[in-house]
PDB file of N, CA and C in Angstrom:
ATOM      1  N   MET A   1     -60.482 -81.183  35.464  1.00  0.00           N
ATOM      2  CA  MET A   1     -60.341 -81.880  34.046  1.00  0.00           C
ATOM      3  C   MET A   1     -60.160 -80.565  33.099  1.00  0.00           C
ATOM      4  N   SER A   2     -59.472 -80.966  31.977  1.00  0.00           N
ATOM      5  CA  SER A   2     -59.149 -79.975  30.961  1.00  0.00           C
ATOM      6  C   SER A   2     -59.596 -80.464  29.713  1.00  0.00           C
ATOM      7  N   SER A   3     -59.693 -79.528  28.752  1.00  0.00           N
ATOM      8  CA  SER A   3     -60.247 -79.947  27.348  1.00  0.00           C
ATOM      9  C   SER A   3     -59.290 -79.320  26.252  1.00  0.00           C
ATOM     10  N   LEU A   4     -59.005 -79.979  25.214  1.00  0.00           N
ATOM     11  CA  LEU A   4     -58.326 -79.694  24.079  1.00  0.00           C
ATOM     12  C   LEU A   4     -59.301 -78.899  23.046  1.00  0.00           C
ATOM     13  N   ILE A   5     -59.487 -77.759  22.844  1.00  0.00           N
ATOM     14  CA  ILE A   5     -60.392 -77.037  22.188  1.00  0.00           C
ATOM     15  C   ILE A   5     -59.842 -76.287  20.915  1.00  0.00           C
ATOM     16  N   GLU A   6     -60.581 -76.123  19.961  1.00  0.00           N
ATOM     17  CA  GLU A   6     -59.983 -75.149  18.889  1.00  0.00           C
ATOM     18  C   GLU A   6     -59.810 -73.691  19.239  1.00  0.00           C
ATOM     19  N   VAL A   7     -59.031 -73.050  18.841  1.00  0.00           N
ATOM     20  CA  VAL A   7     -58.741 -71.601  19.109  1.00  0.00           C
ATOM     21  C   VAL A   7     -60.072 -70.743  19.008  1.00  0.00           C
ATOM     22  N   SER A   8     -60.675 -71.069  17.891  1.00  0.00           N
ATOM     23  CA  SER A   8     -61.853 -70.356  17.452  1.00  0.00           C
ATOM     24  C   SER A   8     -62.962 -70.460  18.540  1.00  0.00           C
ATOM     25  N   LYS A   9     -62.871 -71.339  19.325  1.00  0.00           N
ATOM     26  CA  LYS A   9     -64.075 -71.633  20.317  1.00  0.00           C
ATOM     27  C   LYS A   9     -63.594 -71.068  21.770  1.00  0.00           C
ATOM     28  N   PHE A  10     -62.332 -70.537  21.967  1.00  0.00           N
ATOM     29  CA  PHE A  10     -62.111 -70.001  23.299  1.00  0.00           C
ATOM     30  C   PHE A  10     -62.884 -68.632  23.582  1.00  0.00           C
ATOM     31  N   GLU A  11     -63.109 -68.580  24.843  1.00  0.00           N
ATOM     32  CA  GLU A  11     -63.784 -67.467  25.465  1.00  0.00           C
ATOM     33  C   GLU A  11     -62.908 -66.705  26.349  1.00  0.00           C
ATOM     34  N   THR A  12     -63.028 -65.406  26.302  1.00  0.00           N
ATOM     35  CA  THR A  12     -62.259 -64.688  27.301  1.00  0.00           C
ATOM     36  C   THR A  12     -62.521 -65.021  28.780  1.00  0.00           C
ATOM     37  N   GLY A  13     -61.408 -65.310  29.542  1.00  0.00           N
ATOM     38  CA  GLY A  13     -61.539 -65.735  30.847  1.00  0.00           C
ATOM     39  C   GLY A  13     -61.133 -67.051  31.120  1.00  0.00           C
ATOM     40  N   MET A  14     -61.132 -67.979  30.112  1.00  0.00           N
ATOM     41  CA  MET A  14     -60.678 -69.238  29.962  1.00  0.00           C
ATOM     42  C   MET A  14     -59.324 -69.277  30.447  1.00  0.00           C
ATOM     43  N   VAL A  15     -58.834 -70.340  31.209  1.00  0.00           N
ATOM     44  CA  VAL A  15     -57.475 -70.457  31.725  1.00  0.00           C
ATOM     45  C   VAL A  15     -56.745 -71.536  31.037  1.00  0.00           C
ATOM     46  N   LEU A  16     -55.469 -71.367  30.456  1.00  0.00           N
ATOM     47  CA  LEU A  16     -54.674 -72.360  29.820  1.00  0.00           C
ATOM     48  C   LEU A  16     -54.218 -73.502  30.925  1.00  0.00           C
ATOM     49  N   ALA A  17     -54.486 -74.742  30.498  1.00  0.00           N
ATOM     50  CA  ALA A  17     -54.019 -75.881  31.216  1.00  0.00           C
ATOM     51  C   ALA A  17     -52.659 -76.349  30.957  1.00  0.00           C
ATOM     52  N   ALA A  18     -52.157 -75.941  29.590  1.00  0.00           N
ATOM     53  CA  ALA A  18     -50.792 -76.349  29.210  1.00  0.00           C
ATOM     54  C   ALA A  18     -50.364 -75.094  28.410  1.00  0.00           C
ATOM     55  N   PRO A  19     -49.000 -74.949  28.440  1.00  0.00           N
ATOM     56  CA  PRO A  19     -48.356 -73.798  27.799  1.00  0.00           C
ATOM     57  C   PRO A  19     -48.558 -73.965  26.279  1.00  0.00           C
ATOM     58  N   ILE A  20     -48.567 -72.651  25.783  1.00  0.00           N
ATOM     59  CA  ILE A  20     -48.798 -72.434  24.239  1.00  0.00           C
ATOM     60  C   ILE A  20     -47.333 -72.475  23.692  1.00  0.00           C
ATOM     61  N   LEU A  21     -46.834 -73.239  22.812  1.00  0.00           N
ATOM     62  CA  LEU A  21     -45.576 -73.253  22.240  1.00  0.00           C
ATOM     63  C   LEU A  21     -45.507 -72.858  20.744  1.00  0.00           C
ATOM     64  N   ASN A  22     -44.650 -72.163  20.186  1.00  0.00           N
ATOM     65  CA  ASN A  22     -44.556 -71.852  18.667  1.00  0.00           C
ATOM     66  C   ASN A  22     -43.898 -73.170  18.267  1.00  0.00           C
ATOM     67  N   ARG A  23     -43.832 -73.050  16.957  1.00  0.00           N
ATOM     68  CA  ARG A  23     -43.108 -74.228  16.078  1.00  0.00           C
ATOM     69  C   ARG A  23     -41.652 -74.397  16.480  1.00  0.00           C
ATOM     70  N   TYR A  24     -41.098 -73.470  17.182  1.00  0.00           N
ATOM     71  CA  TYR A  24     -39.628 -73.520  17.464  1.00  0.00           C
ATOM     72  C   TYR A  24     -39.397 -73.981  19.033  1.00  0.00           C
ATOM     73  N   GLY A  25     -40.583 -74.335  19.625  1.00  0.00           N
ATOM     74  CA  GLY A  25     -40.661 -74.820  20.913  1.00  0.00           C
ATOM     75  C   GLY A  25     -40.595 -73.719  22.041  1.00  0.00           C
ATOM     76  N   GLN A  26     -40.599 -72.412  21.633  1.00  0.00           N
ATOM     77  CA  GLN A  26     -40.636 -71.389  22.559  1.00  0.00           C
ATOM     78  C   GLN A  26     -41.943 -71.091  23.286  1.00  0.00           C
ATOM     79  N   VAL A  27     -42.103 -70.840  24.479  1.00  0.00           N
ATOM     80  CA  VAL A  27     -43.333 -70.645  25.257  1.00  0.00           C
ATOM     81  C   VAL A  27     -43.821 -69.291  24.852  1.00  0.00           C
ATOM     82  N   LEU A  28     -45.001 -69.327  24.236  1.00  0.00           N
ATOM     83  CA  LEU A  28     -45.752 -67.932  23.919  1.00  0.00           C
ATOM     84  C   LEU A  28     -46.561 -67.580  25.009  1.00  0.00           C
ATOM     85  N   LEU A  29     -47.233 -68.430  25.668  1.00  0.00           N
ATOM     86  CA  LEU A  29     -48.139 -68.285  26.928  1.00  0.00           C
ATOM     87  C   LEU A  29     -48.001 -69.572  27.848  1.00  0.00           C
ATOM     88  N   GLY A  30     -47.784 -69.168  29.061  1.00  0.00           N
ATOM     89  CA  GLY A  30     -47.608 -70.210  30.055  1.00  0.00           C
ATOM     90  C   GLY A  30     -48.980 -70.795  30.594  1.00  0.00           C
ATOM     91  N   ALA A  31     -48.731 -72.027  31.092  1.00  0.00           N
ATOM     92  CA  ALA A  31     -49.969 -72.621  31.656  1.00  0.00           C
ATOM     93  C   ALA A  31     -50.477 -71.777  32.916  1.00  0.00           C
ATOM     94  N   GLY A  32     -51.765 -71.626  32.955  1.00  0.00           N
ATOM     95  CA  GLY A  32     -52.402 -70.785  34.115  1.00  0.00           C
ATOM     96  C   GLY A  32     -52.751 -69.401  33.623  1.00  0.00           C
ATOM     97  N   VAL A  33     -52.321 -69.115  32.246  1.00  0.00           N
ATOM     98  CA  VAL A  33     -52.639 -67.716  31.796  1.00  0.00           C
ATOM     99  C   VAL A  33     -54.194 -67.534  31.525  1.00  0.00           C
ATOM    100  N   GLU A  34     -54.833 -66.547  32.019  1.00  0.00           N
ATOM    101  CA  GLU A  34     -56.337 -66.469  31.559  1.00  0.00           C
ATOM    102  C   GLU A  34     -56.339 -65.585  30.417  1.00  0.00           C
ATOM    103  N   LEU A  35     -56.977 -66.291  29.304  1.00  0.00           N
ATOM    104  CA  LEU A  35     -57.217 -65.780  27.925  1.00  0.00           C
ATOM    105  C   LEU A  35     -57.965 -64.412  27.782  1.00  0.00           C
ATOM    106  N   GLN A  36     -57.287 -63.645  27.046  1.00  0.00           N
ATOM    107  CA  GLN A  36     -58.093 -62.356  26.650  1.00  0.00           C
ATOM    108  C   GLN A  36     -58.277 -62.241  25.237  1.00  0.00           C
ATOM    109  N   GLU A  37     -59.072 -61.301  24.937  1.00  0.00           N
ATOM    110  CA  GLU A  37     -59.477 -61.221  23.425  1.00  0.00           C
ATOM    111  C   GLU A  37     -58.168 -60.865  22.637  1.00  0.00           C
ATOM    112  N   ASN A  38     -57.213 -60.249  22.963  1.00  0.00           N
ATOM    113  CA  ASN A  38     -55.934 -59.996  22.135  1.00  0.00           C
ATOM    114  C   ASN A  38     -55.216 -61.231  21.966  1.00  0.00           C
ATOM    115  N   HIS A  39     -55.392 -62.307  22.779  1.00  0.00           N
ATOM    116  CA  HIS A  39     -54.726 -63.633  22.449  1.00  0.00           C
ATOM    117  C   HIS A  39     -55.004 -64.169  21.092  1.00  0.00           C
ATOM    118  N   LYS A  40     -56.197 -63.805  20.635  1.00  0.00           N
ATOM    119  CA  LYS A  40     -56.578 -64.422  19.236  1.00  0.00           C
ATOM    120  C   LYS A  40     -55.663 -63.924  18.109  1.00  0.00           C
ATOM    121  N   LYS A  41     -55.132 -62.707  18.287  1.00  0.00           N
ATOM    122  CA  LYS A  41     -54.187 -62.327  17.191  1.00  0.00           C
ATOM    123  C   LYS A  41     -52.928 -63.121  17.378  1.00  0.00           C
ATOM    124  N   LEU A  42     -52.491 -63.337  18.756  1.00  0.00           N
ATOM    125  CA  LEU A  42     -51.280 -64.126  18.862  1.00  0.00           C
ATOM    126  C   LEU A  42     -51.309 -65.536  18.305  1.00  0.00           C
ATOM    127  N   PHE A  43     -52.510 -66.190  18.516  1.00  0.00           N
ATOM    128  CA  PHE A  43     -52.760 -67.475  18.030  1.00  0.00           C
ATOM    129  C   PHE A  43     -52.782 -67.434  16.502  1.00  0.00           C
ATOM    130  N   LEU A  44     -53.468 -66.576  15.800  1.00  0.00           N
ATOM    131  CA  LEU A  44     -53.570 -66.403  14.462  1.00  0.00           C
ATOM    132  C   LEU A  44     -52.018 -66.130  13.733  1.00  0.00           C
ATOM    133  N   THR A  45     -51.386 -65.365  14.370  1.00  0.00           N
ATOM    134  CA  THR A  45     -50.027 -64.981  13.885  1.00  0.00           C
ATOM    135  C   THR A  45     -49.058 -66.273  13.884  1.00  0.00           C
ATOM    136  N   TRP A  46     -49.259 -67.097  14.896  1.00  0.00           N
ATOM    137  CA  TRP A  46     -48.458 -68.262  15.140  1.00  0.00           C
ATOM    138  C   TRP A  46     -48.916 -69.627  14.625  1.00  0.00           C
ATOM    139  N   GLY A  47     -50.123 -69.477  13.972  1.00  0.00           N
ATOM    140  CA  GLY A  47     -50.721 -70.672  13.439  1.00  0.00           C
ATOM    141  C   GLY A  47     -51.298 -71.752  14.355  1.00  0.00           C
ATOM    142  N   ILE A  48     -51.499 -71.250  15.597  1.00  0.00           N
ATOM    143  CA  ILE A  48     -51.836 -72.150  16.797  1.00  0.00           C
ATOM    144  C   ILE A  48     -53.414 -72.301  16.418  1.00  0.00           C
ATOM    145  N   LYS A  49     -53.801 -73.774  16.322  1.00  0.00           N
ATOM    146  CA  LYS A  49     -55.154 -74.078  16.095  1.00  0.00           C
ATOM    147  C   LYS A  49     -55.821 -74.778  17.228  1.00  0.00           C
ATOM    148  N   LEU A  50     -55.067 -75.457  18.179  1.00  0.00           N
ATOM    149  CA  LEU A  50     -55.667 -75.955  19.280  1.00  0.00           C
ATOM    150  C   LEU A  50     -55.155 -75.494  20.629  1.00  0.00           C
ATOM    151  N   ILE A  51     -55.770 -75.464  21.768  1.00  0.00           N
ATOM    152  CA  ILE A  51     -55.237 -75.087  22.935  1.00  0.00           C
ATOM    153  C   ILE A  51     -55.785 -76.062  23.965  1.00  0.00           C
ATOM    154  N   THR A  52     -55.276 -76.148  25.105  1.00  0.00           N
ATOM    155  CA  THR A  52     -55.622 -76.833  26.270  1.00  0.00           C
ATOM    156  C   THR A  52     -56.102 -75.885  27.389  1.00  0.00           C
ATOM    157  N   ILE A  53     -57.438 -75.984  27.658  1.00  0.00           N
ATOM    158  CA  ILE A  53     -57.849 -75.138  28.816  1.00  0.00           C
ATOM    159  C   ILE A  53     -58.439 -75.930  29.870  1.00  0.00           C
ATOM    160  N   LYS A  54     -58.381 -75.348  31.080  1.00  0.00           N
ATOM    161  CA  LYS A  54     -58.892 -75.863  32.312  1.00  0.00           C
ATOM    162  C   LYS A  54     -60.291 -75.814  32.417  1.00  0.00           C
ATOM    163  N   ASN A  55     -61.019 -76.836  32.671  1.00  0.00           N
ATOM    164  CA  ASN A  55     -62.523 -76.865  32.991  1.00  0.00           C
ATOM    165  C   ASN A  55     -62.619 -76.123  34.297  1.00  0.00           C
ATOM    166  N   GLU A  56     -63.993 -75.771  34.614  1.00  0.00           N
ATOM    167  CA  GLU A  56     -64.148 -75.200  35.799  1.00  0.00           C
ATOM    168  C   GLU A  56     -63.801 -75.855  37.072  1.00  0.00           C
ATOM    169  N   ASN A  57     -63.603 -77.193  37.097  1.00  0.00           N
ATOM    170  CA  ASN A  57     -63.148 -77.873  38.490  1.00  0.00           C
ATOM    171  C   ASN A  57     -61.722 -77.951  38.528  1.00  0.00           C
ATOM    172  N   GLY A  58     -61.094 -77.640  37.267  1.00  0.00           N
ATOM    173  CA  GLY A  58     -59.547 -77.321  37.288  1.00  0.00           C
ATOM    174  C   GLY A  58     -58.722 -78.646  37.624  1.00  0.00           C
ATOM    175  N   LYS A  59     -59.211 -79.766  37.508  1.00  0.00           N
ATOM    176  CA  LYS A  59     -58.532 -81.078  37.804  1.00  0.00           C
ATOM    177  C   LYS A  59     -58.166 -81.793  36.487  1.00  0.00           C
ATOM    178  N   ASP A  60     -57.122 -82.741  36.702  1.00  0.00           N
ATOM    179  CA  ASP A  60     -56.648 -83.595  35.561  1.00  0.00           C
ATOM    180  C   ASP A  60     -56.290 -82.863  34.421  1.00  0.00           C
ATOM    181  N   GLU A  61     -55.225 -82.297  34.396  1.00  0.00           N
ATOM    182  CA  GLU A  61     -54.852 -81.675  33.133  1.00  0.00           C
ATOM    183  C   GLU A  61     -54.537 -82.684  32.131  1.00  0.00           C
ATOM    184  N   ILE A  62     -54.777 -82.489  30.813  1.00  0.00           N
ATOM    185  CA  ILE A  62     -54.369 -83.229  29.590  1.00  0.00           C
ATOM    186  C   ILE A  62     -53.032 -82.698  29.221  1.00  0.00           C
ATOM    187  N   VAL A  63     -52.005 -83.613  29.121  1.00  0.00           N
ATOM    188  CA  VAL A  63     -50.803 -83.089  28.861  1.00  0.00           C
ATOM    189  C   VAL A  63     -50.370 -84.029  27.431  1.00  0.00           C
ATOM    190  N   ILE A  64     -50.031 -83.326  26.514  1.00  0.00           N
ATOM    191  CA  ILE A  64     -49.650 -84.027  25.331  1.00  0.00           C
ATOM    192  C   ILE A  64     -48.130 -84.089  25.231  1.00  0.00           C
ATOM    193  N   THR A  65     -47.520 -85.436  25.311  1.00  0.00           N
ATOM    194  CA  THR A  65     -46.334 -85.611  25.347  1.00  0.00           C
ATOM    195  C   THR A  65     -45.732 -85.766  24.032  1.00  0.00           C
ATOM    196  N   ASP A  66     -44.282 -85.867  23.837  1.00  0.00           N
ATOM    197  CA  ASP A  66     -43.699 -85.976  22.522  1.00  0.00           C
ATOM    198  C   ASP A  66     -44.118 -87.381  21.956  1.00  0.00           C
ATOM    199  N   GLU A  67     -44.204 -88.276  23.000  1.00  0.00           N
ATOM    200  CA  GLU A  67     -44.632 -89.695  22.485  1.00  0.00           C
ATOM    201  C   GLU A  67     -46.150 -89.788  21.976  1.00  0.00           C
ATOM    202  N   MET A  68     -46.985 -89.017  22.558  1.00  0.00           N
ATOM    203  CA  MET A  68     -48.419 -88.915  22.087  1.00  0.00           C
ATOM    204  C   MET A  68     -48.360 -88.230  20.597  1.00  0.00           C
ATOM    205  N   LYS A  69     -47.452 -87.233  20.451  1.00  0.00           N
ATOM    206  CA  LYS A  69     -47.521 -86.431  19.192  1.00  0.00           C
ATOM    207  C   LYS A  69     -46.873 -87.406  18.124  1.00  0.00           C
ATOM    208  N   GLU A  70     -45.758 -88.145  18.369  1.00  0.00           N
ATOM    209  CA  GLU A  70     -45.230 -89.175  17.467  1.00  0.00           C
ATOM    210  C   GLU A  70     -46.227 -90.194  17.158  1.00  0.00           C
ATOM    211  N   GLN A  71     -46.917 -90.701  18.068  1.00  0.00           N
ATOM    212  CA  GLN A  71     -47.974 -91.766  17.812  1.00  0.00           C
ATOM    213  C   GLN A  71     -49.020 -91.024  16.872  1.00  0.00           C
ATOM    214  N   ALA A  72     -49.458 -89.931  17.037  1.00  0.00           N
ATOM    215  CA  ALA A  72     -50.569 -89.277  16.320  1.00  0.00           C
ATOM    216  C   ALA A  72     -50.083 -89.054  14.954  1.00  0.00           C
ATOM    217  N   GLU A  73     -48.832 -88.567  14.813  1.00  0.00           N
ATOM    218  CA  GLU A  73     -48.184 -88.484  13.422  1.00  0.00           C
ATOM    219  C   GLU A  73     -48.058 -89.626  12.731  1.00  0.00           C
ATOM    220  N   LYS A  74     -47.700 -90.893  13.391  1.00  0.00           N
ATOM    221  CA  LYS A  74     -47.657 -92.178  12.730  1.00  0.00           C
ATOM    222  C   LYS A  74     -49.116 -92.702  12.285  1.00  0.00           C
ATOM    223  N   ILE A  75     -50.136 -92.500  13.330  1.00  0.00           N
ATOM    224  CA  ILE A  75     -51.437 -92.911  12.805  1.00  0.00           C
ATOM    225  C   ILE A  75     -51.992 -92.266  11.656  1.00  0.00           C
ATOM    226  N   PHE A  76     -51.746 -90.778  11.652  1.00  0.00           N
ATOM    227  CA  PHE A  76     -52.330 -90.010  10.482  1.00  0.00           C
ATOM    228  C   PHE A  76     -51.611 -90.390   9.177  1.00  0.00           C
ATOM    229  N   SER A  77     -50.098 -90.605   9.385  1.00  0.00           N
ATOM    230  CA  SER A  77     -49.470 -90.774   8.196  1.00  0.00           C
ATOM    231  C   SER A  77     -49.751 -92.239   7.569  1.00  0.00           C
ATOM    232  N   ASP A  78     -50.090 -93.074   8.488  1.00  0.00           N
ATOM    233  CA  ASP A  78     -50.782 -94.480   8.026  1.00  0.00           C
ATOM    234  C   ASP A  78     -52.040 -94.262   7.133  1.00  0.00           C
ATOM    235  N   ARG A  79     -52.672 -93.287   7.452  1.00  0.00           N
ATOM    236  CA  ARG A  79     -54.033 -93.074   6.909  1.00  0.00           C
ATOM    237  C   ARG A  79     -54.251 -92.339   5.562  1.00  0.00           C
ATOM    238  N   ILE A  80     -53.035 -91.605   5.267  1.00  0.00           N
ATOM    239  CA  ILE A  80     -53.071 -90.810   3.975  1.00  0.00           C
ATOM    240  C   ILE A  80     -52.042 -91.391   3.099  1.00  0.00           C
ATOM    241  N   ASN A  81     -52.314 -91.064   1.801  1.00  0.00           N
ATOM    242  CA  ASN A  81     -51.450 -91.701   0.649  1.00  0.00           C
ATOM    243  C   ASN A  81     -50.479 -90.624   0.075  1.00  0.00           C
ATOM    244  N   TRP A  82     -50.160 -89.664   0.773  1.00  0.00           N
ATOM    245  CA  TRP A  82     -49.191 -88.695   0.218  1.00  0.00           C
ATOM    246  C   TRP A  82     -48.284 -88.165   1.363  1.00  0.00           C
ATOM    247  N   LYS A  83     -47.158 -87.650   0.996  1.00  0.00           N
ATOM    248  CA  LYS A  83     -46.291 -87.021   1.895  1.00  0.00           C
ATOM    249  C   LYS A  83     -46.395 -85.467   1.685  1.00  0.00           C
ATOM    250  N   PRO A  84     -46.672 -84.630   2.701  1.00  0.00           N
ATOM    251  CA  PRO A  84     -46.681 -83.331   2.539  1.00  0.00           C
ATOM    252  C   PRO A  84     -45.462 -82.513   1.962  1.00  0.00           C
ATOM    253  N   THR A  85     -45.653 -81.800   0.942  1.00  0.00           N
ATOM    254  CA  THR A  85     -44.355 -81.180   0.231  1.00  0.00           C
ATOM    255  C   THR A  85     -44.440 -79.753   0.398  1.00  0.00           C
ATOM    256  N   SER A  86     -45.657 -79.153   0.178  1.00  0.00           N
ATOM    257  CA  SER A  86     -45.744 -77.586   0.210  1.00  0.00           C
ATOM    258  C   SER A  86     -46.299 -77.098   1.659  1.00  0.00           C
ATOM    259  N   SER A  87     -46.124 -75.853   2.107  1.00  0.00           N
ATOM    260  CA  SER A  87     -46.464 -75.247   3.296  1.00  0.00           C
ATOM    261  C   SER A  87     -48.019 -75.656   3.419  1.00  0.00           C
ATOM    262  N   TYR A  88     -48.809 -75.675   2.444  1.00  0.00           N
ATOM    263  CA  TYR A  88     -50.198 -75.820   2.471  1.00  0.00           C
ATOM    264  C   TYR A  88     -50.393 -77.222   3.116  1.00  0.00           C
ATOM    265  N   GLU A  89     -49.850 -78.107   2.301  1.00  0.00           N
ATOM    266  CA  GLU A  89     -50.013 -79.626   2.692  1.00  0.00           C
ATOM    267  C   GLU A  89     -49.432 -79.882   3.946  1.00  0.00           C
ATOM    268  N   LYS A  90     -48.296 -79.373   4.336  1.00  0.00           N
ATOM    269  CA  LYS A  90     -47.733 -79.556   5.857  1.00  0.00           C
ATOM    270  C   LYS A  90     -48.770 -78.977   6.860  1.00  0.00           C
ATOM    271  N   ASP A  91     -49.527 -77.655   6.456  1.00  0.00           N
ATOM    272  CA  ASP A  91     -50.511 -77.323   7.573  1.00  0.00           C
ATOM    273  C   ASP A  91     -51.830 -78.223   7.546  1.00  0.00           C
ATOM    274  N   LEU A  92     -52.133 -78.922   6.285  1.00  0.00           N
ATOM    275  CA  LEU A  92     -53.176 -80.053   6.340  1.00  0.00           C
ATOM    276  C   LEU A  92     -52.638 -81.086   7.115  1.00  0.00           C
ATOM    277  N   PHE A  93     -51.622 -81.566   6.884  1.00  0.00           N
ATOM    278  CA  PHE A  93     -50.894 -82.649   7.765  1.00  0.00           C
ATOM    279  C   PHE A  93     -51.135 -82.494   9.403  1.00  0.00           C
ATOM    280  N   GLU A  94     -50.604 -81.257   9.572  1.00  0.00           N
ATOM    281  CA  GLU A  94     -50.609 -80.892  11.009  1.00  0.00           C
ATOM    282  C   GLU A  94     -52.055 -80.816  11.650  1.00  0.00           C
ATOM    283  N   MET A  95     -53.042 -80.276  10.747  1.00  0.00           N
ATOM    284  CA  MET A  95     -54.398 -80.316  11.221  1.00  0.00           C
ATOM    285  C   MET A  95     -54.977 -81.803  11.523  1.00  0.00           C
ATOM    286  N   GLY A  96     -54.501 -82.721  10.722  1.00  0.00           N
ATOM    287  CA  GLY A  96     -54.851 -84.009  10.779  1.00  0.00           C
ATOM    288  C   GLY A  96     -54.168 -84.666  11.971  1.00  0.00           C
ATOM    289  N   VAL A  97     -52.906 -84.398  12.268  1.00  0.00           N
ATOM    290  CA  VAL A  97     -52.334 -84.850  13.428  1.00  0.00           C
ATOM    291  C   VAL A  97     -52.848 -84.301  14.747  1.00  0.00           C
ATOM    292  N   LYS A  98     -53.339 -83.147  14.693  1.00  0.00           N
ATOM    293  CA  LYS A  98     -53.986 -82.534  15.870  1.00  0.00           C
ATOM    294  C   LYS A  98     -55.320 -83.154  16.108  1.00  0.00           C
ATOM    295  N   ARG A  99     -56.021 -83.421  15.121  1.00  0.00           N
ATOM    296  CA  ARG A  99     -57.412 -84.228  15.238  1.00  0.00           C
ATOM    297  C   ARG A  99     -57.102 -85.455  15.894  1.00  0.00           C
ATOM    298  N   VAL A 100     -56.096 -86.170  15.487  1.00  0.00           N
ATOM    299  CA  VAL A 100     -55.801 -87.429  15.998  1.00  0.00           C
ATOM    300  C   VAL A 100     -55.292 -87.283  17.490  1.00  0.00           C
ATOM    301  N   LEU A 101     -54.696 -86.245  17.680  1.00  0.00           N
ATOM    302  CA  LEU A 101     -54.146 -86.001  19.222  1.00  0.00           C
ATOM    303  C   LEU A 101     -55.488 -85.701  20.012  1.00  0.00           C
ATOM    304  N   MET A 102     -56.499 -85.092  19.598  1.00  0.00           N
ATOM    305  CA  MET A 102     -57.770 -84.730  20.302  1.00  0.00           C
ATOM    306  C   MET A 102     -58.322 -86.045  20.581  1.00  0.00           C
ATOM    307  N   ASN A 103     -58.357 -86.972  19.653  1.00  0.00           N
ATOM    308  CA  ASN A 103     -59.050 -88.344  19.958  1.00  0.00           C
ATOM    309  C   ASN A 103     -58.160 -89.093  20.920  1.00  0.00           C
ATOM    310  N   LEU A 104     -56.868 -89.103  20.870  1.00  0.00           N
ATOM    311  CA  LEU A 104     -56.028 -89.768  21.749  1.00  0.00           C
ATOM    312  C   LEU A 104     -56.176 -89.158  23.231  1.00  0.00           C
ATOM    313  N   SER A 105     -56.315 -87.833  23.360  1.00  0.00           N
ATOM    314  CA  SER A 105     -56.313 -87.381  24.703  1.00  0.00           C
ATOM    315  C   SER A 105     -57.704 -87.602  25.362  1.00  0.00           C
ATOM    316  N   LYS A 106     -58.816 -87.863  24.569  1.00  0.00           N
ATOM    317  CA  LYS A 106     -60.089 -88.226  24.946  1.00  0.00           C
ATOM    318  C   LYS A 106     -60.011 -89.592  25.607  1.00  0.00           C
ATOM    319  N   ARG A 107     -59.242 -90.538  24.907  1.00  0.00           N
ATOM    320  CA  ARG A 107     -59.222 -91.904  25.333  1.00  0.00           C
ATOM    321  C   ARG A 107     -58.367 -91.843  26.871  1.00  0.00           C
ATOM    322  N   LYS A 108     -57.492 -91.054  27.074  1.00  0.00           N
ATOM    323  CA  LYS A 108     -56.573 -90.953  28.207  1.00  0.00           C
ATOM    324  C   LYS A 108     -57.228 -90.481  29.409  1.00  0.00           C
ATOM    325  N   SER A 109     -58.371 -89.580  29.055  1.00  0.00           N
ATOM    326  CA  SER A 109     -58.988 -88.937  30.393  1.00  0.00           C
ATOM    327  C   SER A 109     -60.102 -89.754  30.761  1.00  0.00           C
TER     328      SER A 109
END
């Protein structure tokens, strides 16, 4: 089993269940990488807020598909009454979408 967690809650030695991508779709860290303390700086630099880690039993990875992300964006867009215009608002929007994704991934597991 794997879990979607906030970056602030990761511990050294946890293993990524899914690759970490930057906003351009480039792989920053691949699935299976064991997290180290220096990865926190990487996540901070790229604005990564959530990561998928393998649980101890290592089964049933949660994969967030483009379809799930689009669904989460639609769900969150329907809940708010504004369109993000500034970079701060876009970050807030992305945080909301990630929260919806966390809920969607819990339902699928």
